[in-house]
Amino acid sequence: MKPLLLSLLLLPAVAFANPTKMADDYCDTFKDISIKAYDTKEPAEKIAKDAMASLSAKKFDFAKLEATEAQFTEGAIEVVNSLREAFLFSLFSFLFSL
């Protein structure tokens, strides 16, 4: 959950760097990460690698965020794992409430 919050906290910094392109690219990438976390069984590392490749193809500049590609990758992996754990917990709770 912490990486997800961190990503949301970085949005204002993204918006100041280039309000439209950087914020759109960053948000679209986290949307794609979230969808893949729920819809696929791909390893979190592969999802993060694909997200990094997507941002690199868009020439995303991490220096403007005072972050590194390694930090992004690590955060993306944690987001995928957190989303999957939250989904399983919700499913587990639902099944036991029946």
N, C-alpha and C. Protein backbone atom coordinates (compact mmCIF):
# COMPACT_ATOMS: atom_id res chain seq x y z
N MET A 1 0.82 -1.18 0.00
CA MET A 1 0.00 0.00 0.00
C MET A 1 0.87 1.25 0.00
N LYS A 2 2.02 1.18 0.67
CA LYS A 2 2.92 2.33 0.73
C LYS A 2 3.35 2.79 -0.65
N PRO A 3 3.74 1.88 -1.58
CA PRO A 3 4.12 2.34 -2.91
C PRO A 3 2.98 3.01 -3.66
N LEU A 4 1.77 2.50 -3.46
CA LEU A 4 0.62 3.11 -4.12
C LEU A 4 0.44 4.53 -3.62
N LEU A 5 0.56 4.71 -2.31
CA LEU A 5 0.46 6.05 -1.76
C LEU A 5 1.59 6.94 -2.25
N LEU A 6 2.79 6.37 -2.34
CA LEU A 6 3.92 7.12 -2.85
C LEU A 6 3.66 7.57 -4.28
N SER A 7 3.11 6.67 -5.08
CA SER A 7 2.83 7.04 -6.47
C SER A 7 1.80 8.16 -6.54
N LEU A 8 0.82 8.14 -5.65
CA LEU A 8 -0.17 9.21 -5.63
C LEU A 8 0.45 10.52 -5.14
N LEU A 9 1.38 10.42 -4.21
CA LEU A 9 2.04 11.62 -3.72
C LEU A 9 2.96 12.24 -4.77
N LEU A 10 3.46 11.42 -5.68
CA LEU A 10 4.33 11.93 -6.74
C LEU A 10 3.55 12.64 -7.84
N LEU A 11 2.26 12.44 -7.90
CA LEU A 11 1.48 13.05 -8.97
C LEU A 11 1.62 14.57 -9.04
N PRO A 12 1.61 15.29 -7.90
CA PRO A 12 1.81 16.74 -8.02
C PRO A 12 3.16 17.10 -8.64
N ALA A 13 4.19 16.36 -8.31
CA ALA A 13 5.50 16.62 -8.90
C ALA A 13 5.46 16.36 -10.40
N VAL A 14 4.77 15.33 -10.80
CA VAL A 14 4.63 15.02 -12.22
C VAL A 14 3.88 16.16 -12.91
N ALA A 15 2.84 16.64 -12.28
CA ALA A 15 2.04 17.69 -12.89
C ALA A 15 2.82 18.97 -13.08
N PHE A 16 3.72 19.30 -12.17
CA PHE A 16 4.51 20.52 -12.32
C PHE A 16 5.55 20.40 -13.43
N ALA A 17 6.07 19.21 -13.65
CA ALA A 17 7.10 19.02 -14.67
C ALA A 17 6.52 19.23 -16.07
N ASN A 18 5.39 18.67 -16.35
CA ASN A 18 4.65 18.83 -17.60
C ASN A 18 3.25 18.33 -17.33
N PRO A 19 2.34 19.23 -17.05
CA PRO A 19 1.03 18.84 -16.52
C PRO A 19 0.26 17.82 -17.34
N THR A 20 0.47 17.81 -18.61
CA THR A 20 -0.34 16.89 -19.40
C THR A 20 0.38 15.58 -19.70
N LYS A 21 1.49 15.65 -20.39
CA LYS A 21 2.14 14.44 -20.87
C LYS A 21 2.68 13.56 -19.75
N MET A 22 3.45 14.12 -18.83
CA MET A 22 4.04 13.30 -17.77
C MET A 22 2.98 12.69 -16.86
N ALA A 23 2.01 13.49 -16.47
CA ALA A 23 0.96 12.97 -15.59
C ALA A 23 0.14 11.90 -16.29
N ASP A 24 -0.18 12.13 -17.56
CA ASP A 24 -0.93 11.13 -18.32
C ASP A 24 -0.15 9.83 -18.46
N ASP A 25 1.12 9.95 -18.81
CA ASP A 25 1.95 8.75 -18.96
C ASP A 25 2.05 7.97 -17.66
N TYR A 26 2.29 8.69 -16.56
CA TYR A 26 2.45 8.06 -15.25
C TYR A 26 1.15 7.39 -14.80
N CYS A 27 0.05 8.10 -14.93
CA CYS A 27 -1.25 7.55 -14.51
C CYS A 27 -1.66 6.37 -15.39
N ASP A 28 -1.44 6.50 -16.70
CA ASP A 28 -1.77 5.39 -17.60
C ASP A 28 -0.96 4.15 -17.26
N THR A 29 0.29 4.36 -16.92
CA THR A 29 1.15 3.22 -16.59
C THR A 29 0.66 2.53 -15.32
N PHE A 30 0.30 3.30 -14.28
CA PHE A 30 -0.20 2.67 -13.06
C PHE A 30 -1.57 2.05 -13.26
N LYS A 31 -2.35 2.60 -14.18
CA LYS A 31 -3.63 1.96 -14.52
C LYS A 31 -3.35 0.59 -15.15
N ASP A 32 -2.40 0.55 -16.09
CA ASP A 32 -2.04 -0.72 -16.74
C ASP A 32 -1.49 -1.73 -15.74
N ILE A 33 -0.67 -1.25 -14.80
CA ILE A 33 -0.12 -2.13 -13.76
C ILE A 33 -1.26 -2.73 -12.94
N SER A 34 -2.21 -1.90 -12.56
CA SER A 34 -3.34 -2.37 -11.74
C SER A 34 -4.17 -3.40 -12.48
N ILE A 35 -4.44 -3.14 -13.75
CA ILE A 35 -5.25 -4.07 -14.54
C ILE A 35 -4.52 -5.40 -14.68
N LYS A 36 -3.23 -5.35 -15.00
CA LYS A 36 -2.48 -6.59 -15.14
C LYS A 36 -2.37 -7.35 -13.82
N ALA A 37 -2.30 -6.62 -12.72
CA ALA A 37 -2.22 -7.28 -11.41
C ALA A 37 -3.46 -8.13 -11.15
N TYR A 38 -4.62 -7.64 -11.56
CA TYR A 38 -5.87 -8.37 -11.34
C TYR A 38 -6.17 -9.38 -12.44
N ASP A 39 -5.87 -9.03 -13.67
CA ASP A 39 -6.31 -9.84 -14.80
C ASP A 39 -5.34 -10.92 -15.25
N THR A 40 -4.10 -10.87 -14.80
CA THR A 40 -3.12 -11.86 -15.27
C THR A 40 -2.45 -12.53 -14.07
N LYS A 41 -1.75 -13.58 -14.38
CA LYS A 41 -0.94 -14.25 -13.35
C LYS A 41 0.54 -14.03 -13.62
N GLU A 42 0.83 -13.01 -14.44
CA GLU A 42 2.23 -12.69 -14.73
C GLU A 42 2.94 -12.32 -13.43
N PRO A 43 4.20 -12.68 -13.33
CA PRO A 43 4.96 -12.28 -12.13
C PRO A 43 5.02 -10.76 -12.01
N ALA A 44 5.04 -10.29 -10.79
CA ALA A 44 5.10 -8.85 -10.54
C ALA A 44 6.31 -8.22 -11.21
N GLU A 45 7.40 -8.95 -11.26
CA GLU A 45 8.63 -8.44 -11.87
C GLU A 45 8.44 -8.19 -13.37
N LYS A 46 7.71 -9.08 -14.04
CA LYS A 46 7.45 -8.91 -15.47
C LYS A 46 6.54 -7.72 -15.72
N ILE A 47 5.53 -7.57 -14.89
CA ILE A 47 4.61 -6.43 -15.03
C ILE A 47 5.39 -5.13 -14.84
N ALA A 48 6.26 -5.09 -13.84
CA ALA A 48 7.06 -3.89 -13.59
C ALA A 48 8.01 -3.62 -14.75
N LYS A 49 8.61 -4.68 -15.27
CA LYS A 49 9.54 -4.54 -16.41
C LYS A 49 8.80 -3.99 -17.63
N ASP A 50 7.61 -4.52 -17.89
CA ASP A 50 6.80 -4.03 -19.02
C ASP A 50 6.41 -2.57 -18.83
N ALA A 51 6.05 -2.21 -17.60
CA ALA A 51 5.68 -0.83 -17.30
C ALA A 51 6.88 0.10 -17.51
N MET A 52 8.05 -0.36 -17.07
CA MET A 52 9.26 0.43 -17.26
C MET A 52 9.56 0.61 -18.74
N ALA A 53 9.39 -0.45 -19.52
CA ALA A 53 9.61 -0.38 -20.96
C ALA A 53 8.64 0.60 -21.62
N SER A 54 7.41 0.58 -21.14
CA SER A 54 6.40 1.49 -21.68
C SER A 54 6.77 2.95 -21.41
N LEU A 55 7.18 3.23 -20.18
CA LEU A 55 7.59 4.60 -19.85
C LEU A 55 8.86 5.00 -20.60
N SER A 56 9.78 4.09 -20.75
CA SER A 56 11.01 4.38 -21.49
C SER A 56 10.70 4.69 -22.94
N ALA A 57 9.76 3.96 -23.53
CA ALA A 57 9.37 4.22 -24.92
C ALA A 57 8.75 5.60 -25.07
N LYS A 58 8.12 6.08 -24.00
CA LYS A 58 7.52 7.42 -24.02
C LYS A 58 8.52 8.50 -23.60
N LYS A 59 9.77 8.07 -23.39
CA LYS A 59 10.85 8.98 -22.97
C LYS A 59 10.52 9.71 -21.67
N PHE A 60 9.97 8.94 -20.74
CA PHE A 60 9.62 9.48 -19.42
C PHE A 60 10.90 9.83 -18.67
N ASP A 61 10.95 11.02 -18.09
CA ASP A 61 12.16 11.51 -17.41
C ASP A 61 11.99 11.40 -15.90
N PHE A 62 12.57 10.36 -15.33
CA PHE A 62 12.48 10.16 -13.88
C PHE A 62 13.25 11.22 -13.10
N ALA A 63 14.23 11.83 -13.72
CA ALA A 63 15.02 12.86 -13.04
C ALA A 63 14.14 14.04 -12.61
N LYS A 64 13.11 14.32 -13.38
CA LYS A 64 12.21 15.42 -13.02
C LYS A 64 11.40 15.09 -11.77
N LEU A 65 11.31 13.80 -11.45
CA LEU A 65 10.60 13.38 -10.24
C LEU A 65 11.55 13.12 -9.08
N GLU A 66 12.83 13.30 -9.34
CA GLU A 66 13.85 12.98 -8.35
C GLU A 66 13.72 11.52 -7.92
N ALA A 67 13.52 10.66 -8.91
CA ALA A 67 13.40 9.22 -8.68
C ALA A 67 14.25 8.50 -9.72
N THR A 68 14.47 7.23 -9.48
CA THR A 68 15.23 6.43 -10.43
C THR A 68 14.34 5.34 -11.03
N GLU A 69 14.83 4.75 -12.10
CA GLU A 69 14.10 3.64 -12.70
C GLU A 69 14.01 2.46 -11.74
N ALA A 70 15.07 2.26 -10.97
CA ALA A 70 15.07 1.16 -9.99
C ALA A 70 14.01 1.39 -8.92
N GLN A 71 13.86 2.63 -8.46
CA GLN A 71 12.84 2.93 -7.46
C GLN A 71 11.44 2.70 -8.04
N PHE A 72 11.25 3.11 -9.29
CA PHE A 72 9.95 2.89 -9.93
C PHE A 72 9.65 1.40 -10.03
N THR A 73 10.64 0.63 -10.49
CA THR A 73 10.45 -0.82 -10.65
C THR A 73 10.13 -1.47 -9.32
N GLU A 74 10.87 -1.11 -8.29
CA GLU A 74 10.63 -1.66 -6.96
C GLU A 74 9.22 -1.30 -6.48
N GLY A 75 8.83 -0.06 -6.67
CA GLY A 75 7.50 0.38 -6.26
C GLY A 75 6.40 -0.32 -7.03
N ALA A 76 6.62 -0.52 -8.34
CA ALA A 76 5.62 -1.20 -9.16
C ALA A 76 5.43 -2.65 -8.71
N ILE A 77 6.53 -3.32 -8.38
CA ILE A 77 6.45 -4.69 -7.88
C ILE A 77 5.64 -4.74 -6.59
N GLU A 78 5.91 -3.80 -5.70
CA GLU A 78 5.17 -3.76 -4.43
C GLU A 78 3.69 -3.46 -4.65
N VAL A 79 3.39 -2.59 -5.61
CA VAL A 79 1.99 -2.27 -5.91
C VAL A 79 1.26 -3.52 -6.41
N VAL A 80 1.88 -4.24 -7.34
CA VAL A 80 1.26 -5.46 -7.87
C VAL A 80 1.01 -6.46 -6.74
N ASN A 81 2.02 -6.69 -5.92
CA ASN A 81 1.86 -7.63 -4.81
C ASN A 81 0.79 -7.17 -3.82
N SER A 82 0.76 -5.88 -3.53
CA SER A 82 -0.25 -5.35 -2.59
C SER A 82 -1.66 -5.48 -3.16
N LEU A 83 -1.82 -5.17 -4.43
CA LEU A 83 -3.15 -5.30 -5.05
C LEU A 83 -3.62 -6.74 -5.05
N ARG A 84 -2.72 -7.64 -5.36
CA ARG A 84 -3.10 -9.06 -5.39
C ARG A 84 -3.44 -9.56 -3.98
N GLU A 85 -2.68 -9.15 -2.99
CA GLU A 85 -2.98 -9.55 -1.61
C GLU A 85 -4.32 -8.98 -1.15
N ALA A 86 -4.59 -7.72 -1.50
CA ALA A 86 -5.85 -7.10 -1.11
C ALA A 86 -7.02 -7.81 -1.78
N PHE A 87 -6.85 -8.19 -3.05
CA PHE A 87 -7.91 -8.91 -3.76
C PHE A 87 -8.17 -10.26 -3.11
N LEU A 88 -7.11 -10.98 -2.81
CA LEU A 88 -7.28 -12.29 -2.17
C LEU A 88 -7.93 -12.17 -0.80
N PHE A 89 -7.53 -11.15 -0.04
CA PHE A 89 -8.12 -10.94 1.28
C PHE A 89 -9.61 -10.63 1.15
N SER A 90 -9.97 -9.78 0.17
CA SER A 90 -11.39 -9.45 -0.04
C SER A 90 -12.18 -10.68 -0.44
N LEU A 91 -11.62 -11.47 -1.34
CA LEU A 91 -12.28 -12.69 -1.78
C LEU A 91 -12.45 -13.66 -0.62
N PHE A 92 -11.39 -13.84 0.15
CA PHE A 92 -11.41 -14.73 1.32
C PHE A 92 -12.48 -14.26 2.32
N SER A 93 -12.52 -12.96 2.59
CA SER A 93 -13.51 -12.41 3.53
C SER A 93 -14.92 -12.62 3.03
N PHE A 94 -15.11 -12.42 1.73
CA PHE A 94 -16.44 -12.60 1.14
C PHE A 94 -16.90 -14.05 1.26
N LEU A 95 -16.00 -14.98 0.95
CA LEU A 95 -16.37 -16.39 1.00
C LEU A 95 -16.74 -16.84 2.41
N PHE A 96 -16.06 -16.32 3.39
CA PHE A 96 -16.36 -16.71 4.76
C PHE A 96 -17.53 -15.96 5.35
N SER A 97 -18.03 -14.96 4.65
CA SER A 97 -19.21 -14.25 5.16
C SER A 97 -20.50 -14.91 4.67
N LEU A 98 -20.37 -15.83 3.73
CA LEU A 98 -21.57 -16.51 3.19
C LEU A 98 -22.15 -17.50 4.14
